[in-house]
Amino acid sequence: MTLVLTNEEIEQLLPMEVAIEALEPSYRDLAHGEAISPCRRDMLVPLPGAQKCVYEFKDMPSVYPRKKMAALRINSDFLTWSLRAGTL
């Protein structure tokens, strides 16, 4: 079963100090080739007829065998830019 959480929900459930403590062993395993975290993929797609707006889709997978877990973060967004002082 998939559990989908917002950033705000995660901040309430997992204080930063606890997150860092939990991540340290996983980064050691990653450095020794015992975990997998490929590069994040960002796909930017221009929207037909939309100026200064693109669609962005990104995903960030990882596998941590020691803890028997895998995770996939997915983000879907529209990016826009505003003029400030005559420039973007």
PDB file of N, CA and C in Angstrom:
ATOM      1  N   MET A   1       0.836  -1.173   0.000  1.00  0.00           N
ATOM      2  CA  MET A   1       0.000   0.000   0.000  1.00  0.00           C
ATOM      3  C   MET A   1       0.886   1.244   0.000  1.00  0.00           C
ATOM      4  N   THR A   2       0.510   2.245  -0.744  1.00  0.00           N
ATOM      5  CA  THR A   2       1.268   3.486  -0.855  1.00  0.00           C
ATOM      6  C   THR A   2       0.726   4.517   0.125  1.00  0.00           C
ATOM      7  N   LEU A   3       1.640   5.177   0.821  1.00  0.00           N
ATOM      8  CA  LEU A   3       1.272   6.261   1.728  1.00  0.00           C
ATOM      9  C   LEU A   3       1.805   7.559   1.129  1.00  0.00           C
ATOM     10  N   VAL A   4       0.936   8.490   0.868  1.00  0.00           N
ATOM     11  CA  VAL A   4       1.323   9.773   0.283  1.00  0.00           C
ATOM     12  C   VAL A   4       1.265  10.832   1.382  1.00  0.00           C
ATOM     13  N   LEU A   5       2.404  11.531   1.585  1.00  0.00           N
ATOM     14  CA  LEU A   5       2.502  12.562   2.619  1.00  0.00           C
ATOM     15  C   LEU A   5       2.909  13.891   2.004  1.00  0.00           C
ATOM     16  N   THR A   6       2.397  14.973   2.547  1.00  0.00           N
ATOM     17  CA  THR A   6       2.835  16.307   2.141  1.00  0.00           C
ATOM     18  C   THR A   6       4.085  16.682   2.937  1.00  0.00           C
ATOM     19  N   ASN A   7       4.791  17.702   2.490  1.00  0.00           N
ATOM     20  CA  ASN A   7       5.962  18.185   3.234  1.00  0.00           C
ATOM     21  C   ASN A   7       5.564  18.622   4.637  1.00  0.00           C
ATOM     22  N   GLU A   8       4.404  19.256   4.766  1.00  0.00           N
ATOM     23  CA  GLU A   8       3.950  19.727   6.072  1.00  0.00           C
ATOM     24  C   GLU A   8       3.690  18.559   7.019  1.00  0.00           C
ATOM     25  N   GLU A   9       3.091  17.480   6.504  1.00  0.00           N
ATOM     26  CA  GLU A   9       2.845  16.301   7.337  1.00  0.00           C
ATOM     27  C   GLU A   9       4.153  15.663   7.789  1.00  0.00           C
ATOM     28  N   ILE A  10       5.114  15.627   6.902  1.00  0.00           N
ATOM     29  CA  ILE A  10       6.410  15.047   7.241  1.00  0.00           C
ATOM     30  C   ILE A  10       7.101  15.861   8.325  1.00  0.00           C
ATOM     31  N   GLU A  11       7.060  17.192   8.209  1.00  0.00           N
ATOM     32  CA  GLU A  11       7.686  18.057   9.216  1.00  0.00           C
ATOM     33  C   GLU A  11       7.091  17.830  10.600  1.00  0.00           C
ATOM     34  N   GLN A  12       5.789  17.555  10.671  1.00  0.00           N
ATOM     35  CA  GLN A  12       5.138  17.302  11.957  1.00  0.00           C
ATOM     36  C   GLN A  12       5.519  15.930  12.516  1.00  0.00           C
ATOM     37  N   LEU A  13       5.670  14.953  11.639  1.00  0.00           N
ATOM     38  CA  LEU A  13       5.930  13.579  12.066  1.00  0.00           C
ATOM     39  C   LEU A  13       7.395  13.288  12.374  1.00  0.00           C
ATOM     40  N   LEU A  14       8.306  14.024  11.713  1.00  0.00           N
ATOM     41  CA  LEU A  14       9.724  13.687  11.805  1.00  0.00           C
ATOM     42  C   LEU A  14      10.567  14.941  12.033  1.00  0.00           C
ATOM     43  N   PRO A  15      10.946  15.216  13.289  1.00  0.00           N
ATOM     44  CA  PRO A  15      11.808  16.377  13.556  1.00  0.00           C
ATOM     45  C   PRO A  15      13.161  16.227  12.841  1.00  0.00           C
ATOM     46  N   MET A  16      13.753  17.339  12.451  1.00  0.00           N
ATOM     47  CA  MET A  16      14.999  17.336  11.681  1.00  0.00           C
ATOM     48  C   MET A  16      16.112  16.558  12.384  1.00  0.00           C
ATOM     49  N   GLU A  17      16.251  16.705  13.706  1.00  0.00           N
ATOM     50  CA  GLU A  17      17.327  16.006  14.430  1.00  0.00           C
ATOM     51  C   GLU A  17      17.175  14.492  14.302  1.00  0.00           C
ATOM     52  N   VAL A  18      15.951  14.007  14.384  1.00  0.00           N
ATOM     53  CA  VAL A  18      15.679  12.567  14.263  1.00  0.00           C
ATOM     54  C   VAL A  18      15.956  12.109  12.834  1.00  0.00           C
ATOM     55  N   ALA A  19      15.589  12.918  11.863  1.00  0.00           N
ATOM     56  CA  ALA A  19      15.827  12.564  10.464  1.00  0.00           C
ATOM     57  C   ALA A  19      17.318  12.431  10.182  1.00  0.00           C
ATOM     58  N   ILE A  20      18.113  13.377  10.658  1.00  0.00           N
ATOM     59  CA  ILE A  20      19.565  13.333  10.425  1.00  0.00           C
ATOM     60  C   ILE A  20      20.166  12.103  11.085  1.00  0.00           C
ATOM     61  N   GLU A  21      19.778  11.817  12.308  1.00  0.00           N
ATOM     62  CA  GLU A  21      20.283  10.635  13.022  1.00  0.00           C
ATOM     63  C   GLU A  21      19.922   9.352  12.266  1.00  0.00           C
ATOM     64  N   ALA A  22      18.735   9.292  11.725  1.00  0.00           N
ATOM     65  CA  ALA A  22      18.294   8.101  10.988  1.00  0.00           C
ATOM     66  C   ALA A  22      19.000   7.972   9.640  1.00  0.00           C
ATOM     67  N   LEU A  23      19.343   9.097   9.019  1.00  0.00           N
ATOM     68  CA  LEU A  23      19.957   9.066   7.694  1.00  0.00           C
ATOM     69  C   LEU A  23      21.445   8.738   7.706  1.00  0.00           C
ATOM     70  N   GLU A  24      22.141   9.042   8.779  1.00  0.00           N
ATOM     71  CA  GLU A  24      23.594   8.823   8.807  1.00  0.00           C
ATOM     72  C   GLU A  24      24.007   7.403   8.411  1.00  0.00           C
ATOM     73  N   PRO A  25      23.421   6.343   8.995  1.00  0.00           N
ATOM     74  CA  PRO A  25      23.827   4.990   8.591  1.00  0.00           C
ATOM     75  C   PRO A  25      23.508   4.694   7.118  1.00  0.00           C
ATOM     76  N   SER A  26      22.415   5.261   6.612  1.00  0.00           N
ATOM     77  CA  SER A  26      22.070   5.002   5.211  1.00  0.00           C
ATOM     78  C   SER A  26      23.084   5.640   4.270  1.00  0.00           C
ATOM     79  N   TYR A  27      23.602   6.814   4.621  1.00  0.00           N
ATOM     80  CA  TYR A  27      24.622   7.442   3.783  1.00  0.00           C
ATOM     81  C   TYR A  27      25.937   6.665   3.840  1.00  0.00           C
ATOM     82  N   ARG A  28      26.249   6.080   4.980  1.00  0.00           N
ATOM     83  CA  ARG A  28      27.434   5.209   5.059  1.00  0.00           C
ATOM     84  C   ARG A  28      27.255   4.002   4.145  1.00  0.00           C
ATOM     85  N   ASP A  29      26.070   3.374   4.202  1.00  0.00           N
ATOM     86  CA  ASP A  29      25.792   2.239   3.320  1.00  0.00           C
ATOM     87  C   ASP A  29      25.861   2.660   1.851  1.00  0.00           C
ATOM     88  N   LEU A  30      25.353   3.823   1.538  1.00  0.00           N
ATOM     89  CA  LEU A  30      25.399   4.330   0.168  1.00  0.00           C
ATOM     90  C   LEU A  30      26.850   4.494  -0.291  1.00  0.00           C
ATOM     91  N   ALA A  31      27.704   5.039   0.582  1.00  0.00           N
ATOM     92  CA  ALA A  31      29.121   5.231   0.248  1.00  0.00           C
ATOM     93  C   ALA A  31      29.836   3.900   0.014  1.00  0.00           C
ATOM     94  N   HIS A  32      29.370   2.835   0.668  1.00  0.00           N
ATOM     95  CA  HIS A  32      29.983   1.512   0.515  1.00  0.00           C
ATOM     96  C   HIS A  32      29.301   0.677  -0.563  1.00  0.00           C
ATOM     97  N   GLY A  33      28.394   1.271  -1.323  1.00  0.00           N
ATOM     98  CA  GLY A  33      27.699   0.545  -2.393  1.00  0.00           C
ATOM     99  C   GLY A  33      26.628  -0.411  -1.892  1.00  0.00           C
ATOM    100  N   GLU A  34      26.168  -0.222  -0.660  1.00  0.00           N
ATOM    101  CA  GLU A  34      25.172  -1.122  -0.076  1.00  0.00           C
ATOM    102  C   GLU A  34      23.764  -0.519  -0.059  1.00  0.00           C
ATOM    103  N   ALA A  35      23.581   0.566  -0.764  1.00  0.00           N
ATOM    104  CA  ALA A  35      22.269   1.197  -0.962  1.00  0.00           C
ATOM    105  C   ALA A  35      22.327   1.888  -2.328  1.00  0.00           C
ATOM    106  N   ILE A  36      21.186   2.186  -2.887  1.00  0.00           N
ATOM    107  CA  ILE A  36      21.136   2.775  -4.224  1.00  0.00           C
ATOM    108  C   ILE A  36      20.274   4.026  -4.182  1.00  0.00           C
ATOM    109  N   SER A  37      20.835   5.113  -4.717  1.00  0.00           N
ATOM    110  CA  SER A  37      20.080   6.351  -4.843  1.00  0.00           C
ATOM    111  C   SER A  37      20.535   7.045  -6.125  1.00  0.00           C
ATOM    112  N   PRO A  38      19.906   6.680  -7.261  1.00  0.00           N
ATOM    113  CA  PRO A  38      20.308   7.306  -8.521  1.00  0.00           C
ATOM    114  C   PRO A  38      19.966   8.787  -8.542  1.00  0.00           C
ATOM    115  N   CYS A  39      20.465   9.475  -9.537  1.00  0.00           N
ATOM    116  CA  CYS A  39      20.215  10.913  -9.658  1.00  0.00           C
ATOM    117  C   CYS A  39      18.727  11.219  -9.783  1.00  0.00           C
ATOM    118  N   ARG A  40      18.351  12.327  -9.220  1.00  0.00           N
ATOM    119  CA  ARG A  40      16.988  12.838  -9.382  1.00  0.00           C
ATOM    120  C   ARG A  40      16.802  13.226 -10.850  1.00  0.00           C
ATOM    121  N   ARG A  41      15.615  12.971 -11.371  1.00  0.00           N
ATOM    122  CA  ARG A  41      15.309  13.365 -12.746  1.00  0.00           C
ATOM    123  C   ARG A  41      14.326  14.521 -12.720  1.00  0.00           C
ATOM    124  N   ASP A  42      14.687  15.598 -13.415  1.00  0.00           N
ATOM    125  CA  ASP A  42      13.807  16.755 -13.563  1.00  0.00           C
ATOM    126  C   ASP A  42      13.437  16.862 -15.035  1.00  0.00           C
ATOM    127  N   MET A  43      12.158  16.834 -15.333  1.00  0.00           N
ATOM    128  CA  MET A  43      11.696  16.980 -16.711  1.00  0.00           C
ATOM    129  C   MET A  43      10.883  18.262 -16.800  1.00  0.00           C
ATOM    130  N   LEU A  44      11.370  19.199 -17.581  1.00  0.00           N
ATOM    131  CA  LEU A  44      10.687  20.477 -17.778  1.00  0.00           C
ATOM    132  C   LEU A  44      10.072  20.476 -19.167  1.00  0.00           C
ATOM    133  N   VAL A  45       8.785  20.751 -19.239  1.00  0.00           N
ATOM    134  CA  VAL A  45       8.052  20.691 -20.501  1.00  0.00           C
ATOM    135  C   VAL A  45       7.385  22.041 -20.750  1.00  0.00           C
ATOM    136  N   PRO A  46       7.734  22.706 -21.879  1.00  0.00           N
ATOM    137  CA  PRO A  46       7.045  23.958 -22.188  1.00  0.00           C
ATOM    138  C   PRO A  46       5.561  23.702 -22.454  1.00  0.00           C
ATOM    139  N   LEU A  47       4.731  24.601 -22.023  1.00  0.00           N
ATOM    140  CA  LEU A  47       3.290  24.471 -22.243  1.00  0.00           C
ATOM    141  C   LEU A  47       2.899  25.274 -23.479  1.00  0.00           C
ATOM    142  N   PRO A  48       2.233  24.643 -24.448  1.00  0.00           N
ATOM    143  CA  PRO A  48       1.845  25.371 -25.662  1.00  0.00           C
ATOM    144  C   PRO A  48       1.005  26.606 -25.323  1.00  0.00           C
ATOM    145  N   GLY A  49       1.399  27.738 -25.854  1.00  0.00           N
ATOM    146  CA  GLY A  49       0.638  28.966 -25.657  1.00  0.00           C
ATOM    147  C   GLY A  49       0.870  29.658 -24.330  1.00  0.00           C
ATOM    148  N   ALA A  50       1.617  29.051 -23.422  1.00  0.00           N
ATOM    149  CA  ALA A  50       1.854  29.666 -22.105  1.00  0.00           C
ATOM    150  C   ALA A  50       3.249  30.286 -22.082  1.00  0.00           C
ATOM    151  N   GLN A  51       3.288  31.582 -21.868  1.00  0.00           N
ATOM    152  CA  GLN A  51       4.583  32.248 -21.765  1.00  0.00           C
ATOM    153  C   GLN A  51       5.030  32.277 -20.310  1.00  0.00           C
ATOM    154  N   LYS A  52       6.303  32.092 -20.086  1.00  0.00           N
ATOM    155  CA  LYS A  52       6.884  32.144 -18.738  1.00  0.00           C
ATOM    156  C   LYS A  52       6.281  31.094 -17.803  1.00  0.00           C
ATOM    157  N   CYS A  53       5.839  29.950 -18.356  1.00  0.00           N
ATOM    158  CA  CYS A  53       5.308  28.876 -17.525  1.00  0.00           C
ATOM    159  C   CYS A  53       5.690  27.538 -18.144  1.00  0.00           C
ATOM    160  N   VAL A  54       6.228  26.636 -17.343  1.00  0.00           N
ATOM    161  CA  VAL A  54       6.548  25.287 -17.802  1.00  0.00           C
ATOM    162  C   VAL A  54       5.988  24.284 -16.798  1.00  0.00           C
ATOM    163  N   TYR A  55       5.748  23.076 -17.282  1.00  0.00           N
ATOM    164  CA  TYR A  55       5.340  21.981 -16.405  1.00  0.00           C
ATOM    165  C   TYR A  55       6.601  21.245 -15.990  1.00  0.00           C
ATOM    166  N   GLU A  56       6.715  20.925 -14.702  1.00  0.00           N
ATOM    167  CA  GLU A  56       7.882  20.194 -14.195  1.00  0.00           C
ATOM    168  C   GLU A  56       7.412  18.907 -13.523  1.00  0.00           C
ATOM    169  N   PHE A  57       8.065  17.812 -13.896  1.00  0.00           N
ATOM    170  CA  PHE A  57       7.827  16.527 -13.247  1.00  0.00           C
ATOM    171  C   PHE A  57       9.186  16.010 -12.814  1.00  0.00           C
ATOM    172  N   LYS A  58       9.310  15.628 -11.538  1.00  0.00           N
ATOM    173  CA  LYS A  58      10.585  15.079 -11.090  1.00  0.00           C
ATOM    174  C   LYS A  58      10.341  13.872 -10.201  1.00  0.00           C
ATOM    175  N   ASP A  59      11.299  12.955 -10.251  1.00  0.00           N
ATOM    176  CA  ASP A  59      11.220  11.782  -9.396  1.00  0.00           C
ATOM    177  C   ASP A  59      12.585  11.489  -8.787  1.00  0.00           C
ATOM    178  N   MET A  60      12.548  10.912  -7.584  1.00  0.00           N
ATOM    179  CA  MET A  60      13.768  10.621  -6.824  1.00  0.00           C
ATOM    180  C   MET A  60      13.614   9.246  -6.162  1.00  0.00           C
ATOM    181  N   PRO A  61      14.147   8.180  -6.797  1.00  0.00           N
ATOM    182  CA  PRO A  61      14.019   6.844  -6.213  1.00  0.00           C
ATOM    183  C   PRO A  61      15.217   6.493  -5.324  1.00  0.00           C
ATOM    184  N   SER A  62      15.034   5.529  -4.442  1.00  0.00           N
ATOM    185  CA  SER A  62      16.147   4.983  -3.661  1.00  0.00           C
ATOM    186  C   SER A  62      15.748   3.619  -3.104  1.00  0.00           C
ATOM    187  N   VAL A  63      16.762   2.791  -2.853  1.00  0.00           N
ATOM    188  CA  VAL A  63      16.554   1.465  -2.276  1.00  0.00           C
ATOM    189  C   VAL A  63      17.568   1.288  -1.155  1.00  0.00           C
ATOM    190  N   TYR A  64      17.083   0.836  -0.001  1.00  0.00           N
ATOM    191  CA  TYR A  64      17.923   0.654   1.186  1.00  0.00           C
ATOM    192  C   TYR A  64      17.742  -0.782   1.680  1.00  0.00           C
ATOM    193  N   PRO A  65      18.544  -1.729   1.148  1.00  0.00           N
ATOM    194  CA  PRO A  65      18.373  -3.146   1.473  1.00  0.00           C
ATOM    195  C   PRO A  65      18.469  -3.474   2.960  1.00  0.00           C
ATOM    196  N   ARG A  66      19.374  -2.835   3.700  1.00  0.00           N
ATOM    197  CA  ARG A  66      19.537  -3.154   5.125  1.00  0.00           C
ATOM    198  C   ARG A  66      18.207  -3.021   5.884  1.00  0.00           C
ATOM    199  N   LYS A  67      17.413  -2.035   5.523  1.00  0.00           N
ATOM    200  CA  LYS A  67      16.128  -1.802   6.186  1.00  0.00           C
ATOM    201  C   LYS A  67      14.956  -2.401   5.401  1.00  0.00           C
ATOM    202  N   LYS A  68      15.276  -3.097   4.307  1.00  0.00           N
ATOM    203  CA  LYS A  68      14.249  -3.729   3.470  1.00  0.00           C
ATOM    204  C   LYS A  68      13.190  -2.716   3.032  1.00  0.00           C
ATOM    205  N   MET A  69      13.666  -1.592   2.472  1.00  0.00           N
ATOM    206  CA  MET A  69      12.730  -0.568   2.037  1.00  0.00           C
ATOM    207  C   MET A  69      13.185   0.093   0.748  1.00  0.00           C
ATOM    208  N   ALA A  70      12.212   0.627   0.069  1.00  0.00           N
ATOM    209  CA  ALA A  70      12.446   1.447  -1.115  1.00  0.00           C
ATOM    210  C   ALA A  70      11.524   2.654  -1.013  1.00  0.00           C
ATOM    211  N   ALA A  71      11.941   3.734  -1.625  1.00  0.00           N
ATOM    212  CA  ALA A  71      11.125   4.948  -1.588  1.00  0.00           C
ATOM    213  C   ALA A  71      11.178   5.622  -2.952  1.00  0.00           C
ATOM    214  N   LEU A  72      10.107   6.307  -3.270  1.00  0.00           N
ATOM    215  CA  LEU A  72      10.043   7.069  -4.506  1.00  0.00           C
ATOM    216  C   LEU A  72       9.319   8.374  -4.213  1.00  0.00           C
ATOM    217  N   ARG A  73      10.030   9.476  -4.386  1.00  0.00           N
ATOM    218  CA  ARG A  73       9.391  10.784  -4.225  1.00  0.00           C
ATOM    219  C   ARG A  73       9.088  11.325  -5.610  1.00  0.00           C
ATOM    220  N   ILE A  74       7.867  11.785  -5.786  1.00  0.00           N
ATOM    221  CA  ILE A  74       7.424  12.331  -7.065  1.00  0.00           C
ATOM    222  C   ILE A  74       6.882  13.730  -6.816  1.00  0.00           C
ATOM    223  N   ASN A  75       7.256  14.650  -7.704  1.00  0.00           N
ATOM    224  CA  ASN A  75       6.770  16.019  -7.599  1.00  0.00           C
ATOM    225  C   ASN A  75       6.265  16.468  -8.967  1.00  0.00           C
ATOM    226  N   SER A  76       5.086  17.038  -8.987  1.00  0.00           N
ATOM    227  CA  SER A  76       4.474  17.555 -10.203  1.00  0.00           C
ATOM    228  C   SER A  76       4.122  19.015  -9.942  1.00  0.00           C
ATOM    229  N   ASP A  77       4.580  19.900 -10.825  1.00  0.00           N
ATOM    230  CA  ASP A  77       4.450  21.320 -10.520  1.00  0.00           C
ATOM    231  C   ASP A  77       4.384  22.146 -11.800  1.00  0.00           C
ATOM    232  N   PHE A  78       3.861  23.356 -11.683  1.00  0.00           N
ATOM    233  CA  PHE A  78       3.938  24.352 -12.744  1.00  0.00           C
ATOM    234  C   PHE A  78       4.873  25.449 -12.255  1.00  0.00           C
ATOM    235  N   LEU A  79       5.856  25.794 -13.068  1.00  0.00           N
ATOM    236  CA  LEU A  79       6.816  26.831 -12.704  1.00  0.00           C
ATOM    237  C   LEU A  79       6.532  28.085 -13.513  1.00  0.00           C
ATOM    238  N   THR A  80       6.520  29.217 -12.824  1.00  0.00           N
ATOM    239  CA  THR A  80       6.334  30.495 -13.497  1.00  0.00           C
ATOM    240  C   THR A  80       7.411  31.464 -13.018  1.00  0.00           C
ATOM    241  N   TRP A  81       7.676  32.458 -13.829  1.00  0.00           N
ATOM    242  CA  TRP A  81       8.651  33.474 -13.483  1.00  0.00           C
ATOM    243  C   TRP A  81       7.983  34.835 -13.601  1.00  0.00           C
ATOM    244  N   SER A  82       8.311  35.723 -12.694  1.00  0.00           N
ATOM    245  CA  SER A  82       7.739  37.064 -12.692  1.00  0.00           C
ATOM    246  C   SER A  82       8.789  38.091 -13.059  1.00  0.00           C
ATOM    247  N   LEU A  83       8.336  39.167 -13.690  1.00  0.00           N
ATOM    248  CA  LEU A  83       9.231  40.283 -13.984  1.00  0.00           C
ATOM    249  C   LEU A  83       9.456  41.103 -12.731  1.00  0.00           C
ATOM    250  N   ARG A  84      10.714  41.401 -12.446  1.00  0.00           N
ATOM    251  CA  ARG A  84      11.055  42.293 -11.340  1.00  0.00           C
ATOM    252  C   ARG A  84      12.124  43.242 -11.837  1.00  0.00           C
ATOM    253  N   ALA A  85      11.858  44.497 -11.690  1.00  0.00           N
ATOM    254  CA  ALA A  85      12.780  45.534 -12.152  1.00  0.00           C
ATOM    255  C   ALA A  85      13.091  45.350 -13.631  1.00  0.00           C
ATOM    256  N   GLY A  86      12.108  44.872 -14.402  1.00  0.00           N
ATOM    257  CA  GLY A  86      12.276  44.734 -15.843  1.00  0.00           C
ATOM    258  C   GLY A  86      12.984  43.473 -16.287  1.00  0.00           C
ATOM    259  N   THR A  87      13.360  42.583 -15.370  1.00  0.00           N
ATOM    260  CA  THR A  87      14.043  41.337 -15.766  1.00  0.00           C
ATOM    261  C   THR A  87      13.353  40.153 -15.110  1.00  0.00           C
ATOM    262  N   LEU A  88      13.626  38.960 -15.655  1.00  0.00           N
ATOM    263  CA  LEU A  88      13.074  37.738 -15.061  1.00  0.00           C
ATOM    264  C   LEU A  88      13.914  37.287 -13.899  1.00  0.00           C
TER     265      LEU A  88
END
